[in-house]
N, C-alpha and C. Protein backbone atom coordinates (compact mmCIF):
# COMPACT_ATOMS: atom_id res chain seq x y z
N MET A 1 0.82 -1.19 0.00
CA MET A 1 0.00 0.00 0.00
C MET A 1 0.87 1.27 0.00
N ILE A 2 1.95 1.23 0.76
CA ILE A 2 2.85 2.39 0.81
C ILE A 2 3.46 2.64 -0.56
N ALA A 3 3.84 1.58 -1.27
CA ALA A 3 4.44 1.72 -2.60
C ALA A 3 3.45 2.36 -3.56
N ILE A 4 2.22 1.95 -3.51
CA ILE A 4 1.20 2.52 -4.39
C ILE A 4 0.99 4.00 -4.08
N MET A 5 0.86 4.32 -2.81
CA MET A 5 0.61 5.71 -2.41
C MET A 5 1.78 6.63 -2.76
N SER A 6 3.00 6.10 -2.73
CA SER A 6 4.17 6.92 -3.03
C SER A 6 4.66 6.77 -4.47
N ARG A 7 3.87 6.03 -5.28
CA ARG A 7 4.20 5.80 -6.69
C ARG A 7 5.59 5.20 -6.86
N CYS A 8 5.85 4.18 -6.06
CA CYS A 8 7.13 3.48 -6.10
C CYS A 8 6.91 2.02 -6.51
N GLU A 9 8.01 1.38 -6.82
CA GLU A 9 8.01 -0.04 -7.14
C GLU A 9 8.72 -0.77 -6.01
N VAL A 10 8.20 -1.92 -5.62
CA VAL A 10 8.84 -2.73 -4.59
C VAL A 10 9.88 -3.61 -5.26
N VAL A 11 11.13 -3.53 -4.78
CA VAL A 11 12.25 -4.29 -5.32
C VAL A 11 12.88 -5.06 -4.17
N GLU A 12 13.15 -6.35 -4.40
CA GLU A 12 13.80 -7.16 -3.37
C GLU A 12 15.31 -7.10 -3.58
N GLY A 13 16.03 -6.83 -2.52
CA GLY A 13 17.48 -6.77 -2.61
C GLY A 13 18.12 -7.04 -1.27
N ASP A 14 19.10 -7.90 -1.23
CA ASP A 14 19.84 -8.24 -0.01
C ASP A 14 18.92 -8.66 1.13
N GLY A 15 17.89 -9.44 0.80
CA GLY A 15 16.99 -9.94 1.83
C GLY A 15 16.01 -8.92 2.38
N ALA A 16 15.91 -7.77 1.73
CA ALA A 16 14.99 -6.72 2.19
C ALA A 16 14.13 -6.26 1.03
N LEU A 17 13.00 -5.69 1.34
CA LEU A 17 12.14 -5.08 0.33
C LEU A 17 12.43 -3.59 0.31
N LEU A 18 12.73 -3.08 -0.86
CA LEU A 18 13.07 -1.66 -1.02
C LEU A 18 12.03 -0.98 -1.90
N LEU A 19 11.78 0.29 -1.63
CA LEU A 19 10.92 1.09 -2.49
C LEU A 19 11.82 1.86 -3.45
N GLN A 20 11.50 1.76 -4.73
CA GLN A 20 12.31 2.42 -5.76
C GLN A 20 11.41 3.30 -6.58
N ARG A 21 11.77 4.55 -6.70
CA ARG A 21 10.98 5.48 -7.50
C ARG A 21 11.68 5.68 -8.84
N HIS A 22 10.88 5.62 -9.90
CA HIS A 22 11.42 5.86 -11.23
C HIS A 22 11.60 7.36 -11.43
N ALA A 23 12.67 7.72 -12.10
CA ALA A 23 12.93 9.13 -12.37
C ALA A 23 11.86 9.69 -13.29
N THR A 24 11.44 10.90 -12.99
CA THR A 24 10.48 11.58 -13.84
C THR A 24 11.25 12.49 -14.78
N VAL A 25 11.03 12.30 -16.07
CA VAL A 25 11.70 13.12 -17.07
C VAL A 25 10.67 14.05 -17.70
N MET A 26 10.91 15.33 -17.60
CA MET A 26 10.03 16.30 -18.23
C MET A 26 10.76 16.86 -19.45
N ILE A 27 9.98 17.17 -20.46
CA ILE A 27 10.58 17.65 -21.70
C ILE A 27 9.79 18.86 -22.18
N GLN A 28 10.50 19.84 -22.71
CA GLN A 28 9.85 21.05 -23.20
C GLN A 28 10.55 21.50 -24.48
N PHE A 29 9.75 21.69 -25.53
CA PHE A 29 10.26 22.19 -26.81
C PHE A 29 9.31 23.26 -27.33
N SER A 30 9.86 24.23 -28.00
CA SER A 30 9.06 25.25 -28.70
C SER A 30 9.47 25.25 -30.16
N ASP A 31 8.49 25.19 -31.03
CA ASP A 31 8.73 25.18 -32.48
C ASP A 31 9.76 24.12 -32.86
N ALA A 32 9.59 22.91 -32.34
CA ALA A 32 10.54 21.83 -32.59
C ALA A 32 10.04 20.92 -33.71
N ASP A 33 10.97 20.40 -34.47
CA ASP A 33 10.64 19.45 -35.53
C ASP A 33 10.02 18.22 -34.91
N VAL A 34 8.82 17.86 -35.35
CA VAL A 34 8.07 16.75 -34.77
C VAL A 34 8.84 15.44 -34.87
N ARG A 35 9.57 15.23 -35.93
CA ARG A 35 10.31 13.99 -36.11
C ARG A 35 11.40 13.85 -35.04
N VAL A 36 12.09 14.94 -34.74
CA VAL A 36 13.13 14.93 -33.72
C VAL A 36 12.52 14.65 -32.35
N VAL A 37 11.41 15.30 -32.04
CA VAL A 37 10.75 15.11 -30.75
C VAL A 37 10.30 13.66 -30.58
N LEU A 38 9.69 13.07 -31.61
CA LEU A 38 9.21 11.69 -31.52
C LEU A 38 10.36 10.70 -31.35
N LYS A 39 11.45 10.92 -32.06
CA LYS A 39 12.61 10.03 -31.92
C LYS A 39 13.20 10.13 -30.51
N LEU A 40 13.25 11.33 -29.97
CA LEU A 40 13.77 11.53 -28.62
C LEU A 40 12.87 10.86 -27.58
N LEU A 41 11.56 11.03 -27.70
CA LEU A 41 10.63 10.40 -26.77
C LEU A 41 10.74 8.88 -26.82
N ALA A 42 10.86 8.33 -28.01
CA ALA A 42 11.00 6.88 -28.15
C ALA A 42 12.31 6.41 -27.51
N ALA A 43 13.38 7.14 -27.72
CA ALA A 43 14.67 6.76 -27.14
C ALA A 43 14.61 6.78 -25.61
N TYR A 44 13.95 7.77 -25.02
CA TYR A 44 13.80 7.82 -23.57
C TYR A 44 13.06 6.60 -23.04
N GLN A 45 12.17 6.04 -23.86
CA GLN A 45 11.40 4.87 -23.46
C GLN A 45 12.10 3.56 -23.83
N GLY A 46 13.28 3.65 -24.44
CA GLY A 46 14.01 2.46 -24.84
C GLY A 46 13.36 1.75 -26.02
N LYS A 47 12.70 2.52 -26.88
CA LYS A 47 11.99 1.95 -28.03
C LYS A 47 12.58 2.49 -29.33
N THR A 48 12.30 1.76 -30.40
CA THR A 48 12.64 2.20 -31.75
C THR A 48 11.34 2.66 -32.38
N ILE A 49 11.38 3.75 -33.14
CA ILE A 49 10.17 4.27 -33.75
C ILE A 49 10.36 4.40 -35.25
N GLN A 50 9.35 3.99 -36.00
CA GLN A 50 9.34 4.15 -37.45
C GLN A 50 8.32 5.23 -37.80
N LEU A 51 8.77 6.23 -38.53
CA LEU A 51 7.93 7.37 -38.88
C LEU A 51 7.64 7.36 -40.37
N PRO A 52 6.41 7.71 -40.76
CA PRO A 52 6.11 7.80 -42.19
C PRO A 52 6.86 8.97 -42.82
N ASP A 53 7.19 8.83 -44.08
CA ASP A 53 7.96 9.87 -44.78
C ASP A 53 7.23 11.21 -44.82
N ASP A 54 5.89 11.17 -44.85
CA ASP A 54 5.15 12.42 -44.98
C ASP A 54 4.86 13.12 -43.66
N LEU A 55 5.32 12.57 -42.54
CA LEU A 55 5.12 13.21 -41.25
C LEU A 55 6.06 14.39 -41.12
N ALA A 56 5.49 15.58 -40.97
CA ALA A 56 6.29 16.79 -40.86
C ALA A 56 5.52 17.81 -40.04
N GLY A 57 6.23 18.78 -39.54
CA GLY A 57 5.61 19.86 -38.80
C GLY A 57 6.44 20.24 -37.59
N VAL A 58 5.97 21.26 -36.91
CA VAL A 58 6.62 21.71 -35.68
C VAL A 58 5.61 21.63 -34.55
N VAL A 59 6.11 21.39 -33.36
CA VAL A 59 5.24 21.25 -32.19
C VAL A 59 5.81 22.03 -31.02
N ASP A 60 4.92 22.38 -30.11
CA ASP A 60 5.27 22.94 -28.82
C ASP A 60 4.85 21.92 -27.78
N VAL A 61 5.79 21.40 -27.02
CA VAL A 61 5.47 20.38 -26.02
C VAL A 61 6.05 20.75 -24.68
N ASP A 62 5.31 20.41 -23.65
CA ASP A 62 5.71 20.57 -22.26
C ASP A 62 5.04 19.43 -21.54
N LEU A 63 5.74 18.29 -21.42
CA LEU A 63 5.09 17.10 -20.88
C LEU A 63 6.07 16.21 -20.15
N VAL A 64 5.52 15.27 -19.41
CA VAL A 64 6.31 14.24 -18.73
C VAL A 64 6.46 13.08 -19.71
N VAL A 65 7.68 12.59 -19.84
CA VAL A 65 7.93 11.46 -20.73
C VAL A 65 7.22 10.25 -20.15
N SER A 66 6.29 9.70 -20.93
CA SER A 66 5.50 8.55 -20.50
C SER A 66 5.06 7.77 -21.73
N GLU A 67 4.37 6.67 -21.50
CA GLU A 67 3.88 5.85 -22.61
C GLU A 67 2.95 6.65 -23.53
N SER A 68 2.22 7.60 -22.99
CA SER A 68 1.25 8.35 -23.79
C SER A 68 1.84 9.60 -24.43
N ALA A 69 3.10 9.94 -24.14
CA ALA A 69 3.70 11.18 -24.63
C ALA A 69 3.77 11.23 -26.16
N ILE A 70 4.10 10.11 -26.79
CA ILE A 70 4.22 10.10 -28.26
C ILE A 70 2.87 10.40 -28.89
N GLN A 71 1.82 9.78 -28.39
CA GLN A 71 0.49 10.04 -28.96
C GLN A 71 0.07 11.48 -28.70
N MET A 72 0.45 12.04 -27.56
CA MET A 72 0.11 13.44 -27.28
C MET A 72 0.74 14.37 -28.31
N VAL A 73 1.98 14.08 -28.69
CA VAL A 73 2.65 14.89 -29.72
C VAL A 73 1.96 14.70 -31.07
N LEU A 74 1.62 13.46 -31.40
CA LEU A 74 0.94 13.19 -32.67
C LEU A 74 -0.43 13.86 -32.72
N ASP A 75 -1.09 13.98 -31.58
CA ASP A 75 -2.38 14.67 -31.54
C ASP A 75 -2.23 16.14 -31.93
N GLN A 76 -1.09 16.75 -31.59
CA GLN A 76 -0.84 18.14 -32.00
C GLN A 76 -0.73 18.26 -33.51
N VAL A 77 -0.07 17.29 -34.12
CA VAL A 77 0.11 17.31 -35.57
C VAL A 77 -1.20 16.95 -36.26
N GLY A 78 -1.89 15.96 -35.71
CA GLY A 78 -3.17 15.51 -36.26
C GLY A 78 -2.98 14.51 -37.39
N GLY A 79 -3.89 13.53 -37.43
CA GLY A 79 -3.91 12.59 -38.54
C GLY A 79 -3.04 11.35 -38.39
N TYR A 80 -2.40 11.18 -37.23
CA TYR A 80 -1.53 10.03 -37.02
C TYR A 80 -1.80 9.40 -35.67
N ARG A 81 -1.44 8.11 -35.56
CA ARG A 81 -1.50 7.43 -34.27
C ARG A 81 -0.30 6.51 -34.16
N VAL A 82 0.04 6.15 -32.94
CA VAL A 82 1.17 5.26 -32.70
C VAL A 82 0.64 3.86 -32.44
N VAL A 83 1.33 2.87 -33.01
CA VAL A 83 0.96 1.46 -32.87
C VAL A 83 2.16 0.71 -32.29
N GLN A 84 1.92 -0.07 -31.24
CA GLN A 84 2.97 -0.91 -30.65
C GLN A 84 3.12 -2.16 -31.51
N GLU A 85 4.29 -2.37 -32.06
CA GLU A 85 4.58 -3.56 -32.84
C GLU A 85 5.30 -4.56 -31.94
N ALA A 86 5.82 -5.62 -32.51
CA ALA A 86 6.53 -6.64 -31.73
C ALA A 86 7.76 -6.05 -31.06
N GLY A 87 8.03 -6.52 -29.86
CA GLY A 87 9.22 -6.08 -29.14
C GLY A 87 9.16 -4.61 -28.77
N ASP A 88 10.24 -3.91 -29.03
CA ASP A 88 10.35 -2.50 -28.67
C ASP A 88 10.11 -1.56 -29.84
N LEU A 89 9.40 -2.03 -30.85
CA LEU A 89 9.17 -1.23 -32.04
C LEU A 89 7.83 -0.51 -31.96
N LEU A 90 7.87 0.80 -32.20
CA LEU A 90 6.66 1.61 -32.33
C LEU A 90 6.57 2.06 -33.78
N ARG A 91 5.36 2.07 -34.33
CA ARG A 91 5.16 2.52 -35.71
C ARG A 91 4.11 3.62 -35.69
N VAL A 92 4.42 4.71 -36.36
CA VAL A 92 3.46 5.80 -36.51
C VAL A 92 2.75 5.61 -37.84
N VAL A 93 1.44 5.57 -37.80
CA VAL A 93 0.65 5.35 -39.01
C VAL A 93 -0.40 6.44 -39.14
N ALA A 94 -0.83 6.65 -40.38
CA ALA A 94 -1.89 7.62 -40.63
C ALA A 94 -3.21 7.06 -40.10
N GLN A 95 -4.00 7.93 -39.49
CA GLN A 95 -5.32 7.53 -39.02
C GLN A 95 -6.27 7.45 -40.19
N GLU A 96 -7.13 6.46 -40.15
CA GLU A 96 -8.17 6.37 -41.16
C GLU A 96 -9.27 7.34 -40.77
N SER A 97 -9.99 7.87 -41.73
CA SER A 97 -11.07 8.80 -41.40
C SER A 97 -12.08 8.09 -40.51
N GLY A 98 -12.54 8.79 -39.50
CA GLY A 98 -13.51 8.23 -38.56
C GLY A 98 -12.85 7.66 -37.31
N GLU A 99 -11.50 7.61 -37.27
CA GLU A 99 -10.82 7.10 -36.07
C GLU A 99 -10.76 8.16 -35.02
C-alpha cells in the first residue's frame, strides 16, 4: 500500500524489500521538428520508432515522458496514431477517417 501511495516499485534486494521510485523526465520544446521530438521520446522509453515519410511539422510540447507522450505529440500534428509492434518497435501510421 505504501508503494502505491508513493508511486514506487517494490524491489527485493539483499533480503529486504526496497521502495524504488522511477525518475520523472520532463521535456519542453518550442517550435521543434516533430520527427526529432518523436525520436527523442522513443529513445527515452528504450523503443525504436518508425515514422512515415510524410510526417512533418513543428510542435510545442511541455510534458512528462510517459507511454502516452508520443500520442500526445501526434495529436498536436493531427492525422496520425502510434501502434505498438513486436518487441520495442513503435510505428506511426496515418489515421483512417472516422478514427
